[in-house]
Amino acid sequence: MHSIRKILALGFSALLGAVLGGVLSACLMMTEVAGSDMLPSLEPGERILVLRSAFVDAYETGDLVVYQAPYYTADSGDDRLVRRVTGIRGSWVRLNCDAKTTRDQEVLAEPDQLLGKVIFSFGGM
């Protein structure tokens, strides 16, 4: 009798873990900062935790976001970039990098290009 309870408890724990893992992966994604565009805020190789767009109520000026850049592929083969929201124009979101560069990096992104909002960063590996 005791072993049946133990087996049921382990099975329930495994099921609960799988469900929780599925829910978390639907809400969150982890990615890595590919370049130096976001220095000094984020370092290259730093890992970031992103709340997926479907779960973000609204984007605000100052938010760090991950967006899918059209016609761009980083050295890593990824087309996802991290940028800071610098303004909102209607349904468009104005994005820019933090690094001081010689040319303007501003882009206007459509809402469906925004993959999510950065909520936490971890040091690089």
PDB file of N, CA and C in Angstrom:
ATOM      1  N   MET A   1       0.816  -1.196   0.000  1.00  0.00           N
ATOM      2  CA  MET A   1       0.000   0.000   0.000  1.00  0.00           C
ATOM      3  C   MET A   1       0.860   1.261   0.000  1.00  0.00           C
ATOM      4  N   HIS A   2       1.929   1.243   0.837  1.00  0.00           N
ATOM      5  CA  HIS A   2       2.816   2.392   0.936  1.00  0.00           C
ATOM      6  C   HIS A   2       3.548   2.641  -0.391  1.00  0.00           C
ATOM      7  N   SER A   3       3.964   1.564  -1.074  1.00  0.00           N
ATOM      8  CA  SER A   3       4.679   1.718  -2.345  1.00  0.00           C
ATOM      9  C   SER A   3       3.755   2.232  -3.450  1.00  0.00           C
ATOM     10  N   ILE A   4       2.476   1.891  -3.409  1.00  0.00           N
ATOM     11  CA  ILE A   4       1.525   2.398  -4.407  1.00  0.00           C
ATOM     12  C   ILE A   4       1.371   3.912  -4.253  1.00  0.00           C
ATOM     13  N   ARG A   5       1.282   4.381  -3.012  1.00  0.00           N
ATOM     14  CA  ARG A   5       1.195   5.835  -2.764  1.00  0.00           C
ATOM     15  C   ARG A   5       2.446   6.542  -3.267  1.00  0.00           C
ATOM     16  N   LYS A   6       3.582   5.913  -3.006  1.00  0.00           N
ATOM     17  CA  LYS A   6       4.846   6.504  -3.443  1.00  0.00           C
ATOM     18  C   LYS A   6       4.893   6.601  -4.972  1.00  0.00           C
ATOM     19  N   ILE A   7       4.472   5.553  -5.652  1.00  0.00           N
ATOM     20  CA  ILE A   7       4.455   5.548  -7.121  1.00  0.00           C
ATOM     21  C   ILE A   7       3.482   6.596  -7.642  1.00  0.00           C
ATOM     22  N   LEU A   8       2.289   6.675  -7.036  1.00  0.00           N
ATOM     23  CA  LEU A   8       1.308   7.690  -7.445  1.00  0.00           C
ATOM     24  C   LEU A   8       1.829   9.104  -7.202  1.00  0.00           C
ATOM     25  N   ALA A   9       2.500   9.316  -6.063  1.00  0.00           N
ATOM     26  CA  ALA A   9       3.061  10.631  -5.750  1.00  0.00           C
ATOM     27  C   ALA A   9       4.151  11.010  -6.754  1.00  0.00           C
ATOM     28  N   LEU A  10       5.002  10.058  -7.095  1.00  0.00           N
ATOM     29  CA  LEU A  10       6.059  10.325  -8.085  1.00  0.00           C
ATOM     30  C   LEU A  10       5.460  10.611  -9.462  1.00  0.00           C
ATOM     31  N   GLY A  11       4.447   9.838  -9.832  1.00  0.00           N
ATOM     32  CA  GLY A  11       3.787  10.065 -11.120  1.00  0.00           C
ATOM     33  C   GLY A  11       3.112  11.428 -11.169  1.00  0.00           C
ATOM     34  N   PHE A  12       2.437  11.809 -10.089  1.00  0.00           N
ATOM     35  CA  PHE A  12       1.788  13.113 -10.012  1.00  0.00           C
ATOM     36  C   PHE A  12       2.822  14.229 -10.073  1.00  0.00           C
ATOM     37  N   SER A  13       3.951  14.053  -9.362  1.00  0.00           N
ATOM     38  CA  SER A  13       5.026  15.055  -9.374  1.00  0.00           C
ATOM     39  C   SER A  13       5.589  15.226 -10.781  1.00  0.00           C
ATOM     40  N   ALA A  14       5.791  14.117 -11.482  1.00  0.00           N
ATOM     41  CA  ALA A  14       6.319  14.185 -12.847  1.00  0.00           C
ATOM     42  C   ALA A  14       5.333  14.892 -13.770  1.00  0.00           C
ATOM     43  N   LEU A  15       4.060  14.570 -13.643  1.00  0.00           N
ATOM     44  CA  LEU A  15       3.031  15.219 -14.465  1.00  0.00           C
ATOM     45  C   LEU A  15       2.951  16.706 -14.170  1.00  0.00           C
ATOM     46  N   LEU A  16       2.957  17.059 -12.900  1.00  0.00           N
ATOM     47  CA  LEU A  16       2.919  18.463 -12.505  1.00  0.00           C
ATOM     48  C   LEU A  16       4.138  19.211 -13.030  1.00  0.00           C
ATOM     49  N   GLY A  17       5.306  18.585 -12.948  1.00  0.00           N
ATOM     50  CA  GLY A  17       6.529  19.197 -13.477  1.00  0.00           C
ATOM     51  C   GLY A  17       6.457  19.429 -14.974  1.00  0.00           C
ATOM     52  N   ALA A  18       5.923  18.458 -15.698  1.00  0.00           N
ATOM     53  CA  ALA A  18       5.792  18.592 -17.151  1.00  0.00           C
ATOM     54  C   ALA A  18       4.824  19.716 -17.513  1.00  0.00           C
ATOM     55  N   VAL A  19       3.703  19.779 -16.807  1.00  0.00           N
ATOM     56  CA  VAL A  19       2.721  20.840 -17.067  1.00  0.00           C
ATOM     57  C   VAL A  19       3.313  22.201 -16.752  1.00  0.00           C
ATOM     58  N   LEU A  20       3.968  22.320 -15.593  1.00  0.00           N
ATOM     59  CA  LEU A  20       4.584  23.583 -15.203  1.00  0.00           C
ATOM     60  C   LEU A  20       5.663  23.992 -16.197  1.00  0.00           C
ATOM     61  N   GLY A  21       6.474  23.038 -16.645  1.00  0.00           N
ATOM     62  CA  GLY A  21       7.496  23.330 -17.649  1.00  0.00           C
ATOM     63  C   GLY A  21       6.891  23.830 -18.945  1.00  0.00           C
ATOM     64  N   GLY A  22       5.789  23.222 -19.365  1.00  0.00           N
ATOM     65  CA  GLY A  22       5.111  23.661 -20.582  1.00  0.00           C
ATOM     66  C   GLY A  22       4.556  25.061 -20.458  1.00  0.00           C
ATOM     67  N   VAL A  23       3.957  25.353 -19.304  1.00  0.00           N
ATOM     68  CA  VAL A  23       3.405  26.693 -19.078  1.00  0.00           C
ATOM     69  C   VAL A  23       4.527  27.731 -19.069  1.00  0.00           C
ATOM     70  N   LEU A  24       5.619  27.437 -18.374  1.00  0.00           N
ATOM     71  CA  LEU A  24       6.734  28.381 -18.317  1.00  0.00           C
ATOM     72  C   LEU A  24       7.356  28.618 -19.687  1.00  0.00           C
ATOM     73  N   SER A  25       7.506  27.573 -20.489  1.00  0.00           N
ATOM     74  CA  SER A  25       8.104  27.762 -21.815  1.00  0.00           C
ATOM     75  C   SER A  25       7.161  28.500 -22.753  1.00  0.00           C
ATOM     76  N   ALA A  26       5.860  28.456 -22.488  1.00  0.00           N
ATOM     77  CA  ALA A  26       4.911  29.233 -23.288  1.00  0.00           C
ATOM     78  C   ALA A  26       4.976  30.714 -22.926  1.00  0.00           C
ATOM     79  N   CYS A  27       5.325  31.017 -21.671  1.00  0.00           N
ATOM     80  CA  CYS A  27       5.355  32.400 -21.187  1.00  0.00           C
ATOM     81  C   CYS A  27       6.724  33.051 -21.322  1.00  0.00           C
ATOM     82  N   LEU A  28       7.770  32.252 -21.207  1.00  0.00           N
ATOM     83  CA  LEU A  28       9.131  32.783 -21.134  1.00  0.00           C
ATOM     84  C   LEU A  28      10.029  32.167 -22.188  1.00  0.00           C
ATOM     85  N   MET A  29      11.059  32.901 -22.559  1.00  0.00           N
ATOM     86  CA  MET A  29      12.115  32.330 -23.385  1.00  0.00           C
ATOM     87  C   MET A  29      13.446  32.864 -22.883  1.00  0.00           C
ATOM     88  N   MET A  30      14.485  32.098 -23.101  1.00  0.00           N
ATOM     89  CA  MET A  30      15.831  32.498 -22.724  1.00  0.00           C
ATOM     90  C   MET A  30      16.625  32.663 -24.010  1.00  0.00           C
ATOM     91  N   THR A  31      17.379  33.726 -24.100  1.00  0.00           N
ATOM     92  CA  THR A  31      18.217  33.943 -25.273  1.00  0.00           C
ATOM     93  C   THR A  31      19.516  34.596 -24.822  1.00  0.00           C
ATOM     94  N   GLU A  32      20.436  34.731 -25.744  1.00  0.00           N
ATOM     95  CA  GLU A  32      21.751  35.283 -25.443  1.00  0.00           C
ATOM     96  C   GLU A  32      21.966  36.561 -26.241  1.00  0.00           C
ATOM     97  N   VAL A  33      22.583  37.549 -25.612  1.00  0.00           N
ATOM     98  CA  VAL A  33      22.906  38.804 -26.289  1.00  0.00           C
ATOM     99  C   VAL A  33      24.036  38.510 -27.269  1.00  0.00           C
ATOM    100  N   ALA A  34      23.789  38.777 -28.555  1.00  0.00           N
ATOM    101  CA  ALA A  34      24.738  38.371 -29.590  1.00  0.00           C
ATOM    102  C   ALA A  34      25.873  39.368 -29.816  1.00  0.00           C
ATOM    103  N   GLY A  35      25.626  40.642 -29.710  1.00  0.00           N
ATOM    104  CA  GLY A  35      26.656  41.618 -30.058  1.00  0.00           C
ATOM    105  C   GLY A  35      26.836  42.671 -28.984  1.00  0.00           C
ATOM    106  N   SER A  36      27.538  43.726 -29.346  1.00  0.00           N
ATOM    107  CA  SER A  36      27.856  44.792 -28.393  1.00  0.00           C
ATOM    108  C   SER A  36      26.932  45.997 -28.529  1.00  0.00           C
ATOM    109  N   ASP A  37      25.851  45.856 -29.280  1.00  0.00           N
ATOM    110  CA  ASP A  37      24.933  46.982 -29.512  1.00  0.00           C
ATOM    111  C   ASP A  37      24.280  47.518 -28.253  1.00  0.00           C
ATOM    112  N   MET A  38      24.176  46.702 -27.207  1.00  0.00           N
ATOM    113  CA  MET A  38      23.465  47.127 -26.000  1.00  0.00           C
ATOM    114  C   MET A  38      24.406  47.478 -24.845  1.00  0.00           C
ATOM    115  N   LEU A  39      25.700  47.599 -25.143  1.00  0.00           N
ATOM    116  CA  LEU A  39      26.649  48.049 -24.116  1.00  0.00           C
ATOM    117  C   LEU A  39      26.306  49.479 -23.712  1.00  0.00           C
ATOM    118  N   PRO A  40      26.392  49.881 -22.511  1.00  0.00           N
ATOM    119  CA  PRO A  40      26.881  49.146 -21.351  1.00  0.00           C
ATOM    120  C   PRO A  40      25.779  48.391 -20.598  1.00  0.00           C
ATOM    121  N   SER A  41      24.535  48.447 -21.069  1.00  0.00           N
ATOM    122  CA  SER A  41      23.426  47.804 -20.351  1.00  0.00           C
ATOM    123  C   SER A  41      23.544  46.291 -20.332  1.00  0.00           C
ATOM    124  N   LEU A  42      23.847  45.689 -21.468  1.00  0.00           N
ATOM    125  CA  LEU A  42      23.975  44.236 -21.588  1.00  0.00           C
ATOM    126  C   LEU A  42      25.281  43.909 -22.294  1.00  0.00           C
ATOM    127  N   GLU A  43      25.978  42.931 -21.767  1.00  0.00           N
ATOM    128  CA  GLU A  43      27.254  42.480 -22.329  1.00  0.00           C
ATOM    129  C   GLU A  43      27.032  41.404 -23.384  1.00  0.00           C
ATOM    130  N   PRO A  44      27.917  41.326 -24.392  1.00  0.00           N
ATOM    131  CA  PRO A  44      27.833  40.209 -25.332  1.00  0.00           C
ATOM    132  C   PRO A  44      27.974  38.877 -24.583  1.00  0.00           C
ATOM    133  N   GLY A  45      27.127  37.915 -24.926  1.00  0.00           N
ATOM    134  CA  GLY A  45      27.152  36.612 -24.270  1.00  0.00           C
ATOM    135  C   GLY A  45      26.291  36.530 -23.025  1.00  0.00           C
ATOM    136  N   GLU A  46      25.776  37.667 -22.557  1.00  0.00           N
ATOM    137  CA  GLU A  46      24.908  37.661 -21.386  1.00  0.00           C
ATOM    138  C   GLU A  46      23.588  36.995 -21.752  1.00  0.00           C
ATOM    139  N   ARG A  47      23.068  36.186 -20.859  1.00  0.00           N
ATOM    140  CA  ARG A  47      21.782  35.511 -21.090  1.00  0.00           C
ATOM    141  C   ARG A  47      20.672  36.363 -20.502  1.00  0.00           C
ATOM    142  N   ILE A  48      19.551  36.403 -21.233  1.00  0.00           N
ATOM    143  CA  ILE A  48      18.416  37.193 -20.777  1.00  0.00           C
ATOM    144  C   ILE A  48      17.149  36.336 -20.754  1.00  0.00           C
ATOM    145  N   LEU A  49      16.313  36.615 -19.776  1.00  0.00           N
ATOM    146  CA  LEU A  49      15.018  35.964 -19.651  1.00  0.00           C
ATOM    147  C   LEU A  49      13.979  36.940 -20.196  1.00  0.00           C
ATOM    148  N   VAL A  50      13.149  36.456 -21.110  1.00  0.00           N
ATOM    149  CA  VAL A  50      12.217  37.314 -21.840  1.00  0.00           C
ATOM    150  C   VAL A  50      10.793  36.833 -21.620  1.00  0.00           C
ATOM    151  N   LEU A  51       9.920  37.759 -21.219  1.00  0.00           N
ATOM    152  CA  LEU A  51       8.494  37.486 -21.125  1.00  0.00           C
ATOM    153  C   LEU A  51       7.924  37.629 -22.527  1.00  0.00           C
ATOM    154  N   ARG A  52       7.363  36.556 -23.048  1.00  0.00           N
ATOM    155  CA  ARG A  52       6.873  36.562 -24.427  1.00  0.00           C
ATOM    156  C   ARG A  52       5.789  37.624 -24.626  1.00  0.00           C
ATOM    157  N   SER A  53       5.749  38.161 -25.833  1.00  0.00           N
ATOM    158  CA  SER A  53       4.871  39.272 -26.194  1.00  0.00           C
ATOM    159  C   SER A  53       3.405  39.031 -25.848  1.00  0.00           C
ATOM    160  N   ALA A  54       2.934  37.819 -25.997  1.00  0.00           N
ATOM    161  CA  ALA A  54       1.532  37.519 -25.725  1.00  0.00           C
ATOM    162  C   ALA A  54       1.165  37.802 -24.271  1.00  0.00           C
ATOM    163  N   PHE A  55       2.167  37.864 -23.380  1.00  0.00           N
ATOM    164  CA  PHE A  55       1.916  38.066 -21.967  1.00  0.00           C
ATOM    165  C   PHE A  55       2.317  39.462 -21.489  1.00  0.00           C
ATOM    166  N   VAL A  56       2.705  40.336 -22.433  1.00  0.00           N
ATOM    167  CA  VAL A  56       3.077  41.710 -22.105  1.00  0.00           C
ATOM    168  C   VAL A  56       1.863  42.601 -22.343  1.00  0.00           C
ATOM    169  N   ASP A  57       1.439  43.321 -21.302  1.00  0.00           N
ATOM    170  CA  ASP A  57       0.284  44.210 -21.440  1.00  0.00           C
ATOM    171  C   ASP A  57       0.576  45.350 -22.402  1.00  0.00           C
ATOM    172  N   ALA A  58       1.710  46.007 -22.211  1.00  0.00           N
ATOM    173  CA  ALA A  58       2.088  47.137 -23.068  1.00  0.00           C
ATOM    174  C   ALA A  58       3.593  47.346 -22.961  1.00  0.00           C
ATOM    175  N   TYR A  59       4.154  47.876 -24.015  1.00  0.00           N
ATOM    176  CA  TYR A  59       5.569  48.249 -23.999  1.00  0.00           C
ATOM    177  C   TYR A  59       5.647  49.739 -23.667  1.00  0.00           C
ATOM    178  N   GLU A  60       6.671  50.104 -22.911  1.00  0.00           N
ATOM    179  CA  GLU A  60       6.844  51.489 -22.511  1.00  0.00           C
ATOM    180  C   GLU A  60       8.251  51.948 -22.855  1.00  0.00           C
ATOM    181  N   THR A  61       8.423  53.249 -22.994  1.00  0.00           N
ATOM    182  CA  THR A  61       9.737  53.822 -23.239  1.00  0.00           C
ATOM    183  C   THR A  61      10.684  53.384 -22.124  1.00  0.00           C
ATOM    184  N   GLY A  62      11.853  52.909 -22.516  1.00  0.00           N
ATOM    185  CA  GLY A  62      12.852  52.430 -21.566  1.00  0.00           C
ATOM    186  C   GLY A  62      12.910  50.924 -21.452  1.00  0.00           C
ATOM    187  N   ASP A  63      11.853  50.217 -21.880  1.00  0.00           N
ATOM    188  CA  ASP A  63      11.858  48.752 -21.824  1.00  0.00           C
ATOM    189  C   ASP A  63      12.927  48.183 -22.745  1.00  0.00           C
ATOM    190  N   LEU A  64      13.547  47.089 -22.316  1.00  0.00           N
ATOM    191  CA  LEU A  64      14.415  46.310 -23.201  1.00  0.00           C
ATOM    192  C   LEU A  64      13.551  45.226 -23.811  1.00  0.00           C
ATOM    193  N   VAL A  65      13.637  45.076 -25.124  1.00  0.00           N
ATOM    194  CA  VAL A  65      12.815  44.100 -25.829  1.00  0.00           C
ATOM    195  C   VAL A  65      13.670  43.263 -26.763  1.00  0.00           C
ATOM    196  N   VAL A  66      13.137  42.106 -27.115  1.00  0.00           N
ATOM    197  CA  VAL A  66      13.739  41.282 -28.157  1.00  0.00           C
ATOM    198  C   VAL A  66      12.796  41.373 -29.344  1.00  0.00           C
ATOM    199  N   TYR A  67      13.366  41.663 -30.507  1.00  0.00           N
ATOM    200  CA  TYR A  67      12.529  41.734 -31.699  1.00  0.00           C
ATOM    201  C   TYR A  67      13.176  40.983 -32.839  1.00  0.00           C
ATOM    202  N   GLN A  68      12.347  40.557 -33.755  1.00  0.00           N
ATOM    203  CA  GLN A  68      12.807  39.821 -34.925  1.00  0.00           C
ATOM    204  C   GLN A  68      13.101  40.836 -36.019  1.00  0.00           C
ATOM    205  N   ALA A  69      14.365  40.969 -36.337  1.00  0.00           N
ATOM    206  CA  ALA A  69      14.793  41.974 -37.304  1.00  0.00           C
ATOM    207  C   ALA A  69      14.656  41.431 -38.726  1.00  0.00           C
ATOM    208  N   PRO A  70      13.868  42.113 -39.543  1.00  0.00           N
ATOM    209  CA  PRO A  70      13.758  41.666 -40.940  1.00  0.00           C
ATOM    210  C   PRO A  70      15.058  41.961 -41.688  1.00  0.00           C
ATOM    211  N   TYR A  71      15.421  41.078 -42.561  1.00  0.00           N
ATOM    212  CA  TYR A  71      16.591  41.272 -43.427  1.00  0.00           C
ATOM    213  C   TYR A  71      17.894  41.389 -42.654  1.00  0.00           C
ATOM    214  N   TYR A  72      17.965  40.734 -41.484  1.00  0.00           N
ATOM    215  CA  TYR A  72      19.182  40.802 -40.685  1.00  0.00           C
ATOM    216  C   TYR A  72      19.451  39.433 -40.083  1.00  0.00           C
ATOM    217  N   THR A  73      20.712  39.035 -40.116  1.00  0.00           N
ATOM    218  CA  THR A  73      21.128  37.820 -39.433  1.00  0.00           C
ATOM    219  C   THR A  73      22.453  38.113 -38.747  1.00  0.00           C
ATOM    220  N   ALA A  74      22.526  37.874 -37.453  1.00  0.00           N
ATOM    221  CA  ALA A  74      23.753  38.081 -36.689  1.00  0.00           C
ATOM    222  C   ALA A  74      24.759  36.990 -37.043  1.00  0.00           C
ATOM    223  N   ASP A  75      25.978  37.177 -36.587  1.00  0.00           N
ATOM    224  CA  ASP A  75      27.020  36.178 -36.817  1.00  0.00           C
ATOM    225  C   ASP A  75      26.602  34.807 -36.298  1.00  0.00           C
ATOM    226  N   SER A  76      25.770  34.792 -35.265  1.00  0.00           N
ATOM    227  CA  SER A  76      25.316  33.533 -34.675  1.00  0.00           C
ATOM    228  C   SER A  76      24.245  32.854 -35.531  1.00  0.00           C
ATOM    229  N   GLY A  77      23.781  33.530 -36.605  1.00  0.00           N
ATOM    230  CA  GLY A  77      22.729  32.976 -37.448  1.00  0.00           C
ATOM    231  C   GLY A  77      21.339  33.323 -36.949  1.00  0.00           C
ATOM    232  N   ASP A  78      21.272  34.126 -35.917  1.00  0.00           N
ATOM    233  CA  ASP A  78      20.008  34.492 -35.290  1.00  0.00           C
ATOM    234  C   ASP A  78      19.538  35.841 -35.834  1.00  0.00           C
ATOM    235  N   ASP A  79      18.223  35.990 -36.000  1.00  0.00           N
ATOM    236  CA  ASP A  79      17.698  37.276 -36.463  1.00  0.00           C
ATOM    237  C   ASP A  79      16.979  38.019 -35.336  1.00  0.00           C
ATOM    238  N   ARG A  80      17.229  37.601 -34.091  1.00  0.00           N
ATOM    239  CA  ARG A  80      16.636  38.269 -32.929  1.00  0.00           C
ATOM    240  C   ARG A  80      17.632  39.260 -32.343  1.00  0.00           C
ATOM    241  N   LEU A  81      17.176  40.486 -32.124  1.00  0.00           N
ATOM    242  CA  LEU A  81      18.026  41.527 -31.558  1.00  0.00           C
ATOM    243  C   LEU A  81      17.404  42.073 -30.284  1.00  0.00           C
ATOM    244  N   VAL A  82      18.246  42.541 -29.390  1.00  0.00           N
ATOM    245  CA  VAL A  82      17.786  43.213 -28.180  1.00  0.00           C
ATOM    246  C   VAL A  82      17.918  44.712 -28.429  1.00  0.00           C
ATOM    247  N   ARG A  83      16.854  45.444 -28.122  1.00  0.00           N
ATOM    248  CA  ARG A  83      16.861  46.894 -28.300  1.00  0.00           C
ATOM    249  C   ARG A  83      16.078  47.540 -27.164  1.00  0.00           C
ATOM    250  N   ARG A  84      16.262  48.858 -27.010  1.00  0.00           N
ATOM    251  CA  ARG A  84      15.533  49.628 -26.013  1.00  0.00           C
ATOM    252  C   ARG A  84      14.400  50.384 -26.704  1.00  0.00           C
ATOM    253  N   VAL A  85      13.225  50.378 -26.084  1.00  0.00           N
ATOM    254  CA  VAL A  85      12.097  51.148 -26.603  1.00  0.00           C
ATOM    255  C   VAL A  85      12.387  52.616 -26.319  1.00  0.00           C
ATOM    256  N   THR A  86      12.412  53.430 -27.378  1.00  0.00           N
ATOM    257  CA  THR A  86      12.677  54.861 -27.221  1.00  0.00           C
ATOM    258  C   THR A  86      11.441  55.700 -27.510  1.00  0.00           C
ATOM    259  N   GLY A  87      10.378  55.060 -27.948  1.00  0.00           N
ATOM    260  CA  GLY A  87       9.135  55.778 -28.182  1.00  0.00           C
ATOM    261  C   GLY A  87       8.105  54.880 -28.832  1.00  0.00           C
ATOM    262  N   ILE A  88       6.881  55.362 -28.829  1.00  0.00           N
ATOM    263  CA  ILE A  88       5.798  54.618 -29.457  1.00  0.00           C
ATOM    264  C   ILE A  88       5.034  55.580 -30.341  1.00  0.00           C
ATOM    265  N   ARG A  89       4.813  55.177 -31.593  1.00  0.00           N
ATOM    266  CA  ARG A  89       4.107  55.986 -32.583  1.00  0.00           C
ATOM    267  C   ARG A  89       2.943  55.183 -33.111  1.00  0.00           C
ATOM    268  N   GLY A  90       1.760  55.442 -32.587  1.00  0.00           N
ATOM    269  CA  GLY A  90       0.607  54.645 -33.000  1.00  0.00           C
ATOM    270  C   GLY A  90       0.814  53.207 -32.579  1.00  0.00           C
ATOM    271  N   SER A  91       0.749  52.296 -33.542  1.00  0.00           N
ATOM    272  CA  SER A  91       0.990  50.893 -33.218  1.00  0.00           C
ATOM    273  C   SER A  91       2.463  50.509 -33.415  1.00  0.00           C
ATOM    274  N   TRP A  92       3.264  51.415 -33.918  1.00  0.00           N
ATOM    275  CA  TRP A  92       4.694  51.160 -34.143  1.00  0.00           C
ATOM    276  C   TRP A  92       5.484  51.463 -32.884  1.00  0.00           C
ATOM    277  N   VAL A  93       6.560  50.711 -32.681  1.00  0.00           N
ATOM    278  CA  VAL A  93       7.435  50.911 -31.535  1.00  0.00           C
ATOM    279  C   VAL A  93       8.808  51.333 -32.063  1.00  0.00           C
ATOM    280  N   ARG A  94       9.307  52.458 -31.547  1.00  0.00           N
ATOM    281  CA  ARG A  94      10.625  52.960 -31.956  1.00  0.00           C
ATOM    282  C   ARG A  94      11.673  52.315 -31.060  1.00  0.00           C
ATOM    283  N   LEU A  95      12.696  51.698 -31.675  1.00  0.00           N
ATOM    284  CA  LEU A  95      13.738  50.957 -30.960  1.00  0.00           C
ATOM    285  C   LEU A  95      15.107  51.516 -31.299  1.00  0.00           C
ATOM    286  N   ASN A  96      16.020  51.425 -30.353  1.00  0.00           N
ATOM    287  CA  ASN A  96      17.392  51.851 -30.591  1.00  0.00           C
ATOM    288  C   ASN A  96      18.320  51.034 -29.708  1.00  0.00           C
ATOM    289  N   CYS A  97      19.588  50.992 -30.073  1.00  0.00           N
ATOM    290  CA  CYS A  97      20.569  50.303 -29.244  1.00  0.00           C
ATOM    291  C   CYS A  97      21.105  51.281 -28.204  1.00  0.00           C
ATOM    292  N   ASP A  98      21.746  50.763 -27.160  1.00  0.00           N
ATOM    293  CA  ASP A  98      22.300  51.610 -26.105  1.00  0.00           C
ATOM    294  C   ASP A  98      23.712  52.081 -26.421  1.00  0.00           C
ATOM    295  N   ALA A  99      24.452  51.316 -27.198  1.00  0.00           N
ATOM    296  CA  ALA A  99      25.844  51.654 -27.484  1.00  0.00           C
ATOM    297  C   ALA A  99      25.911  52.959 -28.270  1.00  0.00           C
ATOM    298  N   LYS A 100      26.861  53.774 -27.926  1.00  0.00           N
ATOM    299  CA  LYS A 100      27.075  55.034 -28.658  1.00  0.00           C
ATOM    300  C   LYS A 100      27.822  54.695 -29.943  1.00  0.00           C
ATOM    301  N   THR A 101      27.131  54.796 -31.044  1.00  0.00           N
ATOM    302  CA  THR A 101      27.739  54.467 -32.334  1.00  0.00           C
ATOM    303  C   THR A 101      27.841  55.728 -33.180  1.00  0.00           C
ATOM    304  N   THR A 102      28.534  55.620 -34.288  1.00  0.00           N
ATOM    305  CA  THR A 102      28.719  56.778 -35.152  1.00  0.00           C
ATOM    306  C   THR A 102      27.505  57.046 -36.017  1.00  0.00           C
ATOM    307  N   ARG A 103      26.608  56.060 -36.117  1.00  0.00           N
ATOM    308  CA  ARG A 103      25.412  56.277 -36.932  1.00  0.00           C
ATOM    309  C   ARG A 103      24.172  55.902 -36.136  1.00  0.00           C
ATOM    310  N   ASP A 104      23.063  56.457 -36.528  1.00  0.00           N
ATOM    311  CA  ASP A 104      21.809  56.210 -35.830  1.00  0.00           C
ATOM    312  C   ASP A 104      21.346  54.785 -36.080  1.00  0.00           C
ATOM    313  N   GLN A 105      20.974  54.094 -35.029  1.00  0.00           N
ATOM    314  CA  GLN A 105      20.535  52.706 -35.115  1.00  0.00           C
ATOM    315  C   GLN A 105      19.025  52.572 -34.956  1.00  0.00           C
ATOM    316  N   GLU A 106      18.303  53.688 -34.959  1.00  0.00           N
ATOM    317  CA  GLU A 106      16.870  53.649 -34.695  1.00  0.00           C
ATOM    318  C   GLU A 106      16.112  52.885 -35.780  1.00  0.00           C
ATOM    319  N   VAL A 107      15.147  52.078 -35.333  1.00  0.00           N
ATOM    320  CA  VAL A 107      14.249  51.378 -36.247  1.00  0.00           C
ATOM    321  C   VAL A 107      12.827  51.502 -35.706  1.00  0.00           C
ATOM    322  N   LEU A 108      11.865  51.431 -36.610  1.00  0.00           N
ATOM    323  CA  LEU A 108      10.467  51.343 -36.221  1.00  0.00           C
ATOM    324  C   LEU A 108      10.044  49.903 -36.429  1.00  0.00           C
ATOM    325  N   ALA A 109       9.564  49.274 -35.367  1.00  0.00           N
ATOM    326  CA  ALA A 109       9.168  47.869 -35.435  1.00  0.00           C
ATOM    327  C   ALA A 109       7.655  47.757 -35.376  1.00  0.00           C
ATOM    328  N   GLU A 110       7.143  46.840 -36.149  1.00  0.00           N
ATOM    329  CA  GLU A 110       5.722  46.536 -36.080  1.00  0.00           C
ATOM    330  C   GLU A 110       5.486  45.668 -34.844  1.00  0.00           C
ATOM    331  N   PRO A 111       4.297  45.738 -34.282  1.00  0.00           N
ATOM    332  CA  PRO A 111       4.017  44.954 -33.068  1.00  0.00           C
ATOM    333  C   PRO A 111       4.294  43.460 -33.218  1.00  0.00           C
ATOM    334  N   ASP A 112       4.050  42.886 -34.386  1.00  0.00           N
ATOM    335  CA  ASP A 112       4.275  41.441 -34.537  1.00  0.00           C
ATOM    336  C   ASP A 112       5.759  41.080 -34.627  1.00  0.00           C
ATOM    337  N   GLN A 113       6.643  42.069 -34.739  1.00  0.00           N
ATOM    338  CA  GLN A 113       8.075  41.810 -34.730  1.00  0.00           C
ATOM    339  C   GLN A 113       8.621  41.702 -33.306  1.00  0.00           C
ATOM    340  N   LEU A 114       7.875  42.208 -32.327  1.00  0.00           N
ATOM    341  CA  LEU A 114       8.323  42.171 -30.942  1.00  0.00           C
ATOM    342  C   LEU A 114       8.067  40.784 -30.368  1.00  0.00           C
ATOM    343  N   LEU A 115       9.127  40.144 -29.926  1.00  0.00           N
ATOM    344  CA  LEU A 115       9.021  38.792 -29.384  1.00  0.00           C
ATOM    345  C   LEU A 115       8.787  38.799 -27.881  1.00  0.00           C
ATOM    346  N   GLY A 116       9.173  39.874 -27.208  1.00  0.00           N
ATOM    347  CA  GLY A 116       8.953  39.949 -25.778  1.00  0.00           C
ATOM    348  C   GLY A 116       9.791  41.004 -25.098  1.00  0.00           C
ATOM    349  N   LYS A 117       9.597  41.095 -23.791  1.00  0.00           N
ATOM    350  CA  LYS A 117      10.223  42.109 -22.948  1.00  0.00           C
ATOM    351  C   LYS A 117      11.231  41.440 -22.017  1.00  0.00           C
ATOM    352  N   VAL A 118      12.438  41.992 -21.949  1.00  0.00           N
ATOM    353  CA  VAL A 118      13.484  41.454 -21.082  1.00  0.00           C
ATOM    354  C   VAL A 118      13.079  41.718 -19.630  1.00  0.00           C
ATOM    355  N   ILE A 119      13.062  40.653 -18.823  1.00  0.00           N
ATOM    356  CA  ILE A 119      12.691  40.810 -17.417  1.00  0.00           C
ATOM    357  C   ILE A 119      13.839  40.477 -16.468  1.00  0.00           C
ATOM    358  N   PHE A 120      14.902  39.847 -16.982  1.00  0.00           N
ATOM    359  CA  PHE A 120      16.014  39.486 -16.111  1.00  0.00           C
ATOM    360  C   PHE A 120      17.224  39.174 -16.971  1.00  0.00           C
ATOM    361  N   SER A 121      18.425  39.473 -16.456  1.00  0.00           N
ATOM    362  CA  SER A 121      19.646  39.107 -17.187  1.00  0.00           C
ATOM    363  C   SER A 121      20.588  38.359 -16.260  1.00  0.00           C
ATOM    364  N   PHE A 122      21.319  37.432 -16.857  1.00  0.00           N
ATOM    365  CA  PHE A 122      22.295  36.609 -16.165  1.00  0.00           C
ATOM    366  C   PHE A 122      23.645  36.908 -16.786  1.00  0.00           C
ATOM    367  N   GLY A 123      24.704  36.870 -16.024  1.00  0.00           N
ATOM    368  CA  GLY A 123      26.036  37.115 -16.556  1.00  0.00           C
ATOM    369  C   GLY A 123      26.385  36.152 -17.678  1.00  0.00           C
ATOM    370  N   GLY A 124      27.309  36.566 -18.549  1.00  0.00           N
ATOM    371  CA  GLY A 124      27.738  35.739 -19.667  1.00  0.00           C
ATOM    372  C   GLY A 124      28.444  34.486 -19.207  1.00  0.00           C
ATOM    373  N   MET A 125      28.525  33.533 -20.112  1.00  0.00           N
ATOM    374  CA  MET A 125      29.146  32.245 -19.781  1.00  0.00           C
ATOM    375  C   MET A 125      30.640  32.320 -20.010  1.00  0.00           C
TER     376      MET A 125
END
